[in-house]
Amino acid sequence: MKPDQTINLVKGTFAPAEAADVLFSLISDKIKFHHLQILSLQNGVDTNTEWSEQRIASLKKSKNSVKDLILRARNEGYKLQIDGDISIKLIAINEKA
């Protein structure tokens, strides 16, 4: 793997129901990840869960925005084009992202 890489995670045009499946799955998995992070932190020495709690709140807002857009697409006869790239960079342990 190259030190910096971009991966195209989602690309295509989707019917509203398909877009809902793809987008809600991604968002729900990220919310689940942060819930697990909180549980892990609470069981360890570091109990600062603020970052994960903020991310969960942000992801829930995003989920509501996506829901509104999907409902609009369904009600008005649109499809949704989704292009989702993920940028990955190697960062030394002593550096902050």
PDB file of N, CA and C in Angstrom:
ATOM      1  N   MET A   1       0.842  -1.188   0.000  1.00  0.00           N
ATOM      2  CA  MET A   1       0.000   0.000   0.000  1.00  0.00           C
ATOM      3  C   MET A   1       0.877   1.237   0.000  1.00  0.00           C
ATOM      4  N   LYS A   2       0.510   2.212  -0.787  1.00  0.00           N
ATOM      5  CA  LYS A   2       1.207   3.497  -0.808  1.00  0.00           C
ATOM      6  C   LYS A   2       0.963   4.211   0.516  1.00  0.00           C
ATOM      7  N   PRO A   3       1.875   5.124   0.917  1.00  0.00           N
ATOM      8  CA  PRO A   3       1.665   5.836   2.189  1.00  0.00           C
ATOM      9  C   PRO A   3       0.376   6.657   2.214  1.00  0.00           C
ATOM     10  N   ASP A   4       0.021   7.263   1.096  1.00  0.00           N
ATOM     11  CA  ASP A   4      -1.234   8.010   0.978  1.00  0.00           C
ATOM     12  C   ASP A   4      -2.049   7.346  -0.116  1.00  0.00           C
ATOM     13  N   GLN A   5      -3.318   7.128   0.160  1.00  0.00           N
ATOM     14  CA  GLN A   5      -4.142   6.431  -0.816  1.00  0.00           C
ATOM     15  C   GLN A   5      -5.582   6.906  -0.711  1.00  0.00           C
ATOM     16  N   THR A   6      -6.257   6.911  -1.844  1.00  0.00           N
ATOM     17  CA  THR A   6      -7.680   7.204  -1.865  1.00  0.00           C
ATOM     18  C   THR A   6      -8.410   5.978  -2.391  1.00  0.00           C
ATOM     19  N   ILE A   7      -9.442   5.589  -1.674  1.00  0.00           N
ATOM     20  CA  ILE A   7     -10.246   4.434  -2.053  1.00  0.00           C
ATOM     21  C   ILE A   7     -11.661   4.922  -2.335  1.00  0.00           C
ATOM     22  N   ASN A   8     -12.202   4.495  -3.470  1.00  0.00           N
ATOM     23  CA  ASN A   8     -13.575   4.842  -3.796  1.00  0.00           C
ATOM     24  C   ASN A   8     -14.488   3.814  -3.151  1.00  0.00           C
ATOM     25  N   LEU A   9     -15.122   4.193  -2.058  1.00  0.00           N
ATOM     26  CA  LEU A   9     -15.946   3.286  -1.273  1.00  0.00           C
ATOM     27  C   LEU A   9     -17.326   3.083  -1.893  1.00  0.00           C
ATOM     28  N   VAL A  10     -17.915   4.156  -2.394  1.00  0.00           N
ATOM     29  CA  VAL A  10     -19.248   4.091  -2.996  1.00  0.00           C
ATOM     30  C   VAL A  10     -19.237   4.942  -4.249  1.00  0.00           C
ATOM     31  N   LYS A  11     -19.761   4.391  -5.339  1.00  0.00           N
ATOM     32  CA  LYS A  11     -19.865   5.161  -6.575  1.00  0.00           C
ATOM     33  C   LYS A  11     -21.025   4.598  -7.380  1.00  0.00           C
ATOM     34  N   GLY A  12     -21.956   5.456  -7.724  1.00  0.00           N
ATOM     35  CA  GLY A  12     -23.056   5.011  -8.563  1.00  0.00           C
ATOM     36  C   GLY A  12     -24.297   5.858  -8.404  1.00  0.00           C
ATOM     37  N   THR A  13     -25.276   5.515  -9.207  1.00  0.00           N
ATOM     38  CA  THR A  13     -26.586   6.156  -9.152  1.00  0.00           C
ATOM     39  C   THR A  13     -27.562   5.132  -8.585  1.00  0.00           C
ATOM     40  N   PHE A  14     -28.311   5.559  -7.584  1.00  0.00           N
ATOM     41  CA  PHE A  14     -29.151   4.635  -6.826  1.00  0.00           C
ATOM     42  C   PHE A  14     -30.584   5.138  -6.746  1.00  0.00           C
ATOM     43  N   ALA A  15     -31.516   4.204  -6.746  1.00  0.00           N
ATOM     44  CA  ALA A  15     -32.907   4.515  -6.416  1.00  0.00           C
ATOM     45  C   ALA A  15     -32.927   4.916  -4.938  1.00  0.00           C
ATOM     46  N   PRO A  16     -33.914   5.691  -4.514  1.00  0.00           N
ATOM     47  CA  PRO A  16     -33.945   6.138  -3.118  1.00  0.00           C
ATOM     48  C   PRO A  16     -33.819   5.008  -2.086  1.00  0.00           C
ATOM     49  N   ALA A  17     -34.500   3.892  -2.299  1.00  0.00           N
ATOM     50  CA  ALA A  17     -34.423   2.787  -1.333  1.00  0.00           C
ATOM     51  C   ALA A  17     -33.015   2.196  -1.284  1.00  0.00           C
ATOM     52  N   GLU A  18     -32.373   2.068  -2.442  1.00  0.00           N
ATOM     53  CA  GLU A  18     -30.993   1.553  -2.480  1.00  0.00           C
ATOM     54  C   GLU A  18     -30.034   2.529  -1.803  1.00  0.00           C
ATOM     55  N   ALA A  19     -30.212   3.810  -2.084  1.00  0.00           N
ATOM     56  CA  ALA A  19     -29.355   4.833  -1.468  1.00  0.00           C
ATOM     57  C   ALA A  19     -29.524   4.813   0.050  1.00  0.00           C
ATOM     58  N   ALA A  20     -30.750   4.635   0.502  1.00  0.00           N
ATOM     59  CA  ALA A  20     -31.009   4.564   1.945  1.00  0.00           C
ATOM     60  C   ALA A  20     -30.254   3.384   2.546  1.00  0.00           C
ATOM     61  N   ASP A  21     -30.309   2.224   1.898  1.00  0.00           N
ATOM     62  CA  ASP A  21     -29.584   1.051   2.404  1.00  0.00           C
ATOM     63  C   ASP A  21     -28.094   1.327   2.515  1.00  0.00           C
ATOM     64  N   VAL A  22     -27.497   1.877   1.473  1.00  0.00           N
ATOM     65  CA  VAL A  22     -26.058   2.139   1.453  1.00  0.00           C
ATOM     66  C   VAL A  22     -25.689   3.175   2.507  1.00  0.00           C
ATOM     67  N   LEU A  23     -26.337   4.319   2.482  1.00  0.00           N
ATOM     68  CA  LEU A  23     -25.946   5.432   3.354  1.00  0.00           C
ATOM     69  C   LEU A  23     -26.258   5.155   4.823  1.00  0.00           C
ATOM     70  N   PHE A  24     -27.435   4.600   5.094  1.00  0.00           N
ATOM     71  CA  PHE A  24     -27.774   4.307   6.493  1.00  0.00           C
ATOM     72  C   PHE A  24     -26.870   3.215   7.066  1.00  0.00           C
ATOM     73  N   SER A  25     -26.464   2.264   6.234  1.00  0.00           N
ATOM     74  CA  SER A  25     -25.539   1.226   6.704  1.00  0.00           C
ATOM     75  C   SER A  25     -24.199   1.844   7.097  1.00  0.00           C
ATOM     76  N   LEU A  26     -23.683   2.715   6.256  1.00  0.00           N
ATOM     77  CA  LEU A  26     -22.398   3.357   6.557  1.00  0.00           C
ATOM     78  C   LEU A  26     -22.477   4.200   7.826  1.00  0.00           C
ATOM     79  N   ILE A  27     -23.505   5.015   7.918  1.00  0.00           N
ATOM     80  CA  ILE A  27     -23.652   5.889   9.085  1.00  0.00           C
ATOM     81  C   ILE A  27     -23.889   5.068  10.351  1.00  0.00           C
ATOM     82  N   SER A  28     -24.740   4.055  10.259  1.00  0.00           N
ATOM     83  CA  SER A  28     -25.019   3.223  11.432  1.00  0.00           C
ATOM     84  C   SER A  28     -23.777   2.478  11.910  1.00  0.00           C
ATOM     85  N   ASP A  29     -22.962   2.009  10.981  1.00  0.00           N
ATOM     86  CA  ASP A  29     -21.719   1.332  11.374  1.00  0.00           C
ATOM     87  C   ASP A  29     -20.766   2.286  12.085  1.00  0.00           C
ATOM     88  N   LYS A  30     -20.705   3.524  11.633  1.00  0.00           N
ATOM     89  CA  LYS A  30     -19.844   4.506  12.311  1.00  0.00           C
ATOM     90  C   LYS A  30     -20.385   4.834  13.700  1.00  0.00           C
ATOM     91  N   ILE A  31     -21.683   4.945  13.846  1.00  0.00           N
ATOM     92  CA  ILE A  31     -22.281   5.184  15.163  1.00  0.00           C
ATOM     93  C   ILE A  31     -21.982   4.006  16.086  1.00  0.00           C
ATOM     94  N   LYS A  32     -22.141   2.784  15.570  1.00  0.00           N
ATOM     95  CA  LYS A  32     -21.846   1.590  16.359  1.00  0.00           C
ATOM     96  C   LYS A  32     -20.370   1.584  16.785  1.00  0.00           C
ATOM     97  N   PHE A  33     -19.478   1.940  15.877  1.00  0.00           N
ATOM     98  CA  PHE A  33     -18.047   2.006  16.193  1.00  0.00           C
ATOM     99  C   PHE A  33     -17.796   2.942  17.370  1.00  0.00           C
ATOM    100  N   HIS A  34     -18.412   4.124  17.343  1.00  0.00           N
ATOM    101  CA  HIS A  34     -18.188   5.092  18.423  1.00  0.00           C
ATOM    102  C   HIS A  34     -18.822   4.636  19.737  1.00  0.00           C
ATOM    103  N   HIS A  35     -19.944   3.945  19.688  1.00  0.00           N
ATOM    104  CA  HIS A  35     -20.526   3.375  20.907  1.00  0.00           C
ATOM    105  C   HIS A  35     -19.569   2.353  21.521  1.00  0.00           C
ATOM    106  N   LEU A  36     -18.953   1.526  20.677  1.00  0.00           N
ATOM    107  CA  LEU A  36     -17.975   0.553  21.167  1.00  0.00           C
ATOM    108  C   LEU A  36     -16.733   1.248  21.729  1.00  0.00           C
ATOM    109  N   GLN A  37     -16.321   2.338  21.112  1.00  0.00           N
ATOM    110  CA  GLN A  37     -15.185   3.115  21.614  1.00  0.00           C
ATOM    111  C   GLN A  37     -15.494   3.645  23.018  1.00  0.00           C
ATOM    112  N   ILE A  38     -16.699   4.145  23.198  1.00  0.00           N
ATOM    113  CA  ILE A  38     -17.106   4.672  24.509  1.00  0.00           C
ATOM    114  C   ILE A  38     -17.064   3.561  25.550  1.00  0.00           C
ATOM    115  N   LEU A  39     -17.614   2.404  25.223  1.00  0.00           N
ATOM    116  CA  LEU A  39     -17.586   1.277  26.166  1.00  0.00           C
ATOM    117  C   LEU A  39     -16.157   0.868  26.495  1.00  0.00           C
ATOM    118  N   SER A  40     -15.323   0.835  25.484  1.00  0.00           N
ATOM    119  CA  SER A  40     -13.926   0.459  25.685  1.00  0.00           C
ATOM    120  C   SER A  40     -13.204   1.471  26.573  1.00  0.00           C
ATOM    121  N   LEU A  41     -13.439   2.744  26.325  1.00  0.00           N
ATOM    122  CA  LEU A  41     -12.790   3.791  27.131  1.00  0.00           C
ATOM    123  C   LEU A  41     -13.287   3.758  28.572  1.00  0.00           C
ATOM    124  N   GLN A  42     -14.571   3.517  28.763  1.00  0.00           N
ATOM    125  CA  GLN A  42     -15.126   3.492  30.107  1.00  0.00           C
ATOM    126  C   GLN A  42     -14.595   2.318  30.926  1.00  0.00           C
ATOM    127  N   ASN A  43     -14.188   1.257  30.255  1.00  0.00           N
ATOM    128  CA  ASN A  43     -13.639   0.096  30.949  1.00  0.00           C
ATOM    129  C   ASN A  43     -12.133   0.174  31.140  1.00  0.00           C
ATOM    130  N   GLY A  44     -11.507   1.215  30.623  1.00  0.00           N
ATOM    131  CA  GLY A  44     -10.059   1.353  30.724  1.00  0.00           C
ATOM    132  C   GLY A  44      -9.668   2.513  31.617  1.00  0.00           C
ATOM    133  N   VAL A  45      -8.430   2.917  31.466  1.00  0.00           N
ATOM    134  CA  VAL A  45      -7.898   4.018  32.272  1.00  0.00           C
ATOM    135  C   VAL A  45      -8.402   5.366  31.749  1.00  0.00           C
ATOM    136  N   ASP A  46      -8.415   5.515  30.423  1.00  0.00           N
ATOM    137  CA  ASP A  46      -8.857   6.764  29.798  1.00  0.00           C
ATOM    138  C   ASP A  46     -10.374   6.761  29.734  1.00  0.00           C
ATOM    139  N   THR A  47     -11.007   7.698  30.414  1.00  0.00           N
ATOM    140  CA  THR A  47     -12.474   7.742  30.428  1.00  0.00           C
ATOM    141  C   THR A  47     -13.029   8.940  29.657  1.00  0.00           C
ATOM    142  N   ASN A  48     -12.196   9.591  28.843  1.00  0.00           N
ATOM    143  CA  ASN A  48     -12.648  10.746  28.074  1.00  0.00           C
ATOM    144  C   ASN A  48     -13.369  10.256  26.815  1.00  0.00           C
ATOM    145  N   THR A  49     -14.667  10.305  26.855  1.00  0.00           N
ATOM    146  CA  THR A  49     -15.494   9.834  25.740  1.00  0.00           C
ATOM    147  C   THR A  49     -16.070  10.989  24.916  1.00  0.00           C
ATOM    148  N   GLU A  50     -15.617  12.184  25.200  1.00  0.00           N
ATOM    149  CA  GLU A  50     -16.194  13.375  24.567  1.00  0.00           C
ATOM    150  C   GLU A  50     -16.140  13.325  23.041  1.00  0.00           C
ATOM    151  N   TRP A  51     -15.003  12.917  22.469  1.00  0.00           N
ATOM    152  CA  TRP A  51     -14.863  12.888  21.007  1.00  0.00           C
ATOM    153  C   TRP A  51     -15.888  11.947  20.388  1.00  0.00           C
ATOM    154  N   SER A  52     -16.003  10.742  20.931  1.00  0.00           N
ATOM    155  CA  SER A  52     -16.957   9.779  20.381  1.00  0.00           C
ATOM    156  C   SER A  52     -18.393  10.249  20.564  1.00  0.00           C
ATOM    157  N   GLU A  53     -18.689  10.867  21.682  1.00  0.00           N
ATOM    158  CA  GLU A  53     -20.042  11.390  21.908  1.00  0.00           C
ATOM    159  C   GLU A  53     -20.375  12.493  20.905  1.00  0.00           C
ATOM    160  N   GLN A  54     -19.396  13.364  20.620  1.00  0.00           N
ATOM    161  CA  GLN A  54     -19.607  14.421  19.632  1.00  0.00           C
ATOM    162  C   GLN A  54     -19.813  13.832  18.236  1.00  0.00           C
ATOM    163  N   ARG A  55     -19.027  12.812  17.894  1.00  0.00           N
ATOM    164  CA  ARG A  55     -19.154  12.183  16.580  1.00  0.00           C
ATOM    165  C   ARG A  55     -20.515  11.509  16.429  1.00  0.00           C
ATOM    166  N   ILE A  56     -20.991  10.858  17.491  1.00  0.00           N
ATOM    167  CA  ILE A  56     -22.309  10.214  17.438  1.00  0.00           C
ATOM    168  C   ILE A  56     -23.389  11.263  17.186  1.00  0.00           C
ATOM    169  N   ALA A  57     -23.324  12.379  17.888  1.00  0.00           N
ATOM    170  CA  ALA A  57     -24.309  13.451  17.690  1.00  0.00           C
ATOM    171  C   ALA A  57     -24.250  13.985  16.258  1.00  0.00           C
ATOM    172  N   SER A  58     -23.044  14.188  15.751  1.00  0.00           N
ATOM    173  CA  SER A  58     -22.866  14.683  14.391  1.00  0.00           C
ATOM    174  C   SER A  58     -23.386  13.675  13.357  1.00  0.00           C
ATOM    175  N   LEU A  59     -23.084  12.416  13.566  1.00  0.00           N
ATOM    176  CA  LEU A  59     -23.541  11.375  12.647  1.00  0.00           C
ATOM    177  C   LEU A  59     -25.061  11.244  12.665  1.00  0.00           C
ATOM    178  N   LYS A  60     -25.684  11.413  13.826  1.00  0.00           N
ATOM    179  CA  LYS A  60     -27.153  11.357  13.909  1.00  0.00           C
ATOM    180  C   LYS A  60     -27.785  12.519  13.146  1.00  0.00           C
ATOM    181  N   LYS A  61     -27.160  13.695  13.209  1.00  0.00           N
ATOM    182  CA  LYS A  61     -27.658  14.839  12.428  1.00  0.00           C
ATOM    183  C   LYS A  61     -27.518  14.556  10.940  1.00  0.00           C
ATOM    184  N   SER A  62     -26.379  13.985  10.567  1.00  0.00           N
ATOM    185  CA  SER A  62     -26.164  13.631   9.161  1.00  0.00           C
ATOM    186  C   SER A  62     -27.191  12.611   8.695  1.00  0.00           C
ATOM    187  N   LYS A  63     -27.491  11.650   9.550  1.00  0.00           N
ATOM    188  CA  LYS A  63     -28.473  10.624   9.206  1.00  0.00           C
ATOM    189  C   LYS A  63     -29.841  11.253   8.947  1.00  0.00           C
ATOM    190  N   ASN A  64     -30.218  12.241   9.763  1.00  0.00           N
ATOM    191  CA  ASN A  64     -31.495  12.938   9.553  1.00  0.00           C
ATOM    192  C   ASN A  64     -31.489  13.720   8.246  1.00  0.00           C
ATOM    193  N   SER A  65     -30.372  14.355   7.923  1.00  0.00           N
ATOM    194  CA  SER A  65     -30.261  15.098   6.661  1.00  0.00           C
ATOM    195  C   SER A  65     -30.379  14.158   5.471  1.00  0.00           C
ATOM    196  N   VAL A  66     -29.712  13.010   5.561  1.00  0.00           N
ATOM    197  CA  VAL A  66     -29.780  12.013   4.495  1.00  0.00           C
ATOM    198  C   VAL A  66     -31.210  11.502   4.353  1.00  0.00           C
ATOM    199  N   LYS A  67     -31.871  11.260   5.479  1.00  0.00           N
ATOM    200  CA  LYS A  67     -33.261  10.783   5.444  1.00  0.00           C
ATOM    201  C   LYS A  67     -34.145  11.785   4.712  1.00  0.00           C
ATOM    202  N   ASP A  68     -33.988  13.072   5.027  1.00  0.00           N
ATOM    203  CA  ASP A  68     -34.781  14.109   4.362  1.00  0.00           C
ATOM    204  C   ASP A  68     -34.525  14.125   2.857  1.00  0.00           C
ATOM    205  N   LEU A  69     -33.259  13.998   2.466  1.00  0.00           N
ATOM    206  CA  LEU A  69     -32.908  14.010   1.044  1.00  0.00           C
ATOM    207  C   LEU A  69     -33.477  12.782   0.330  1.00  0.00           C
ATOM    208  N   ILE A  70     -33.403  11.637   0.969  1.00  0.00           N
ATOM    209  CA  ILE A  70     -33.937  10.408   0.371  1.00  0.00           C
ATOM    210  C   ILE A  70     -35.453  10.492   0.228  1.00  0.00           C
ATOM    211  N   LEU A  71     -36.127  11.024   1.238  1.00  0.00           N
ATOM    212  CA  LEU A  71     -37.581  11.190   1.143  1.00  0.00           C
ATOM    213  C   LEU A  71     -37.952  12.154   0.018  1.00  0.00           C
ATOM    214  N   ARG A  72     -37.183  13.221  -0.116  1.00  0.00           N
ATOM    215  CA  ARG A  72     -37.438  14.172  -1.207  1.00  0.00           C
ATOM    216  C   ARG A  72     -37.243  13.487  -2.554  1.00  0.00           C
ATOM    217  N   ALA A  73     -36.158  12.723  -2.690  1.00  0.00           N
ATOM    218  CA  ALA A  73     -35.897  12.021  -3.946  1.00  0.00           C
ATOM    219  C   ALA A  73     -37.037  11.060  -4.273  1.00  0.00           C
ATOM    220  N   ARG A  74     -37.480  10.323  -3.268  1.00  0.00           N
ATOM    221  CA  ARG A  74     -38.572   9.362  -3.478  1.00  0.00           C
ATOM    222  C   ARG A  74     -39.862  10.078  -3.877  1.00  0.00           C
ATOM    223  N   ASN A  75     -40.185  11.146  -3.153  1.00  0.00           N
ATOM    224  CA  ASN A  75     -41.448  11.861  -3.385  1.00  0.00           C
ATOM    225  C   ASN A  75     -41.475  12.621  -4.703  1.00  0.00           C
ATOM    226  N   GLU A  76     -40.296  13.073  -5.162  1.00  0.00           N
ATOM    227  CA  GLU A  76     -40.232  13.886  -6.378  1.00  0.00           C
ATOM    228  C   GLU A  76     -39.694  13.121  -7.578  1.00  0.00           C
ATOM    229  N   GLY A  77     -39.449  11.819  -7.419  1.00  0.00           N
ATOM    230  CA  GLY A  77     -39.050  10.987  -8.545  1.00  0.00           C
ATOM    231  C   GLY A  77     -37.594  11.090  -8.959  1.00  0.00           C
ATOM    232  N   TYR A  78     -36.716  11.365  -8.012  1.00  0.00           N
ATOM    233  CA  TYR A  78     -35.292  11.459  -8.322  1.00  0.00           C
ATOM    234  C   TYR A  78     -34.570  10.163  -7.971  1.00  0.00           C
ATOM    235  N   LYS A  79     -33.392   9.988  -8.578  1.00  0.00           N
ATOM    236  CA  LYS A  79     -32.413   9.008  -8.137  1.00  0.00           C
ATOM    237  C   LYS A  79     -31.315   9.797  -7.430  1.00  0.00           C
ATOM    238  N   LEU A  80     -30.431   9.100  -6.741  1.00  0.00           N
ATOM    239  CA  LEU A  80     -29.341   9.771  -6.038  1.00  0.00           C
ATOM    240  C   LEU A  80     -27.996   9.255  -6.554  1.00  0.00           C
ATOM    241  N   GLN A  81     -27.141  10.176  -6.895  1.00  0.00           N
ATOM    242  CA  GLN A  81     -25.781   9.816  -7.295  1.00  0.00           C
ATOM    243  C   GLN A  81     -24.892   9.973  -6.064  1.00  0.00           C
ATOM    244  N   ILE A  82     -24.167   8.914  -5.749  1.00  0.00           N
ATOM    245  CA  ILE A  82     -23.304   8.923  -4.570  1.00  0.00           C
ATOM    246  C   ILE A  82     -21.874   8.641  -5.010  1.00  0.00           C
ATOM    247  N   ASP A  83     -20.974   9.521  -4.632  1.00  0.00           N
ATOM    248  CA  ASP A  83     -19.540   9.337  -4.852  1.00  0.00           C
ATOM    249  C   ASP A  83     -18.872   9.497  -3.505  1.00  0.00           C
ATOM    250  N   GLY A  84     -18.346   8.420  -2.967  1.00  0.00           N
ATOM    251  CA  GLY A  84     -17.748   8.461  -1.635  1.00  0.00           C
ATOM    252  C   GLY A  84     -16.316   7.976  -1.643  1.00  0.00           C
ATOM    253  N   ASP A  85     -15.382   8.926  -1.620  1.00  0.00           N
ATOM    254  CA  ASP A  85     -13.962   8.596  -1.555  1.00  0.00           C
ATOM    255  C   ASP A  85     -13.478   8.684  -0.120  1.00  0.00           C
ATOM    256  N   ILE A  86     -12.549   7.803   0.223  1.00  0.00           N
ATOM    257  CA  ILE A  86     -11.920   7.811   1.538  1.00  0.00           C
ATOM    258  C   ILE A  86     -10.435   8.040   1.316  1.00  0.00           C
ATOM    259  N   SER A  87      -9.885   9.066   1.951  1.00  0.00           N
ATOM    260  CA  SER A  87      -8.451   9.329   1.879  1.00  0.00           C
ATOM    261  C   SER A  87      -7.784   8.709   3.092  1.00  0.00           C
ATOM    262  N   ILE A  88      -6.719   7.959   2.838  1.00  0.00           N
ATOM    263  CA  ILE A  88      -5.987   7.285   3.909  1.00  0.00           C
ATOM    264  C   ILE A  88      -4.539   7.754   3.869  1.00  0.00           C
ATOM    265  N   LYS A  89      -4.025   8.174   5.012  1.00  0.00           N
ATOM    266  CA  LYS A  89      -2.643   8.624   5.111  1.00  0.00           C
ATOM    267  C   LYS A  89      -1.978   7.939   6.291  1.00  0.00           C
ATOM    268  N   LEU A  90      -0.732   7.554   6.097  1.00  0.00           N
ATOM    269  CA  LEU A  90       0.056   7.022   7.210  1.00  0.00           C
ATOM    270  C   LEU A  90       0.599   8.183   8.012  1.00  0.00           C
ATOM    271  N   ILE A  91       0.403   8.143   9.308  1.00  0.00           N
ATOM    272  CA  ILE A  91       0.849   9.215  10.209  1.00  0.00           C
ATOM    273  C   ILE A  91       1.682   8.577  11.314  1.00  0.00           C
ATOM    274  N   ALA A  92       2.838   9.168  11.574  1.00  0.00           N
ATOM    275  CA  ALA A  92       3.701   8.645  12.634  1.00  0.00           C
ATOM    276  C   ALA A  92       2.960   8.684  13.961  1.00  0.00           C
ATOM    277  N   ILE A  93       3.247   7.742  14.829  1.00  0.00           N
ATOM    278  CA  ILE A  93       2.548   7.614  16.116  1.00  0.00           C
ATOM    279  C   ILE A  93       2.657   8.890  16.961  1.00  0.00           C
ATOM    280  N   ASN A  94       3.787   9.565  16.908  1.00  0.00           N
ATOM    281  CA  ASN A  94       3.953  10.758  17.737  1.00  0.00           C
ATOM    282  C   ASN A  94       3.341  12.017  17.125  1.00  0.00           C
ATOM    283  N   GLU A  95       2.752  11.911  15.937  1.00  0.00           N
ATOM    284  CA  GLU A  95       2.058  13.046  15.309  1.00  0.00           C
ATOM    285  C   GLU A  95       0.577  12.954  15.600  1.00  0.00           C
ATOM    286  N   LYS A  96      -0.094  14.090  15.573  1.00  0.00           N
ATOM    287  CA  LYS A  96      -1.553  14.103  15.719  1.00  0.00           C
ATOM    288  C   LYS A  96      -2.163  14.328  14.351  1.00  0.00           C
ATOM    289  N   ALA A  97      -3.308  13.719  14.117  1.00  0.00           N
ATOM    290  CA  ALA A  97      -3.997  13.822  12.833  1.00  0.00           C
ATOM    291  C   ALA A  97      -4.516  15.208  12.612  1.00  0.00           C
TER     292      ALA A  97
END
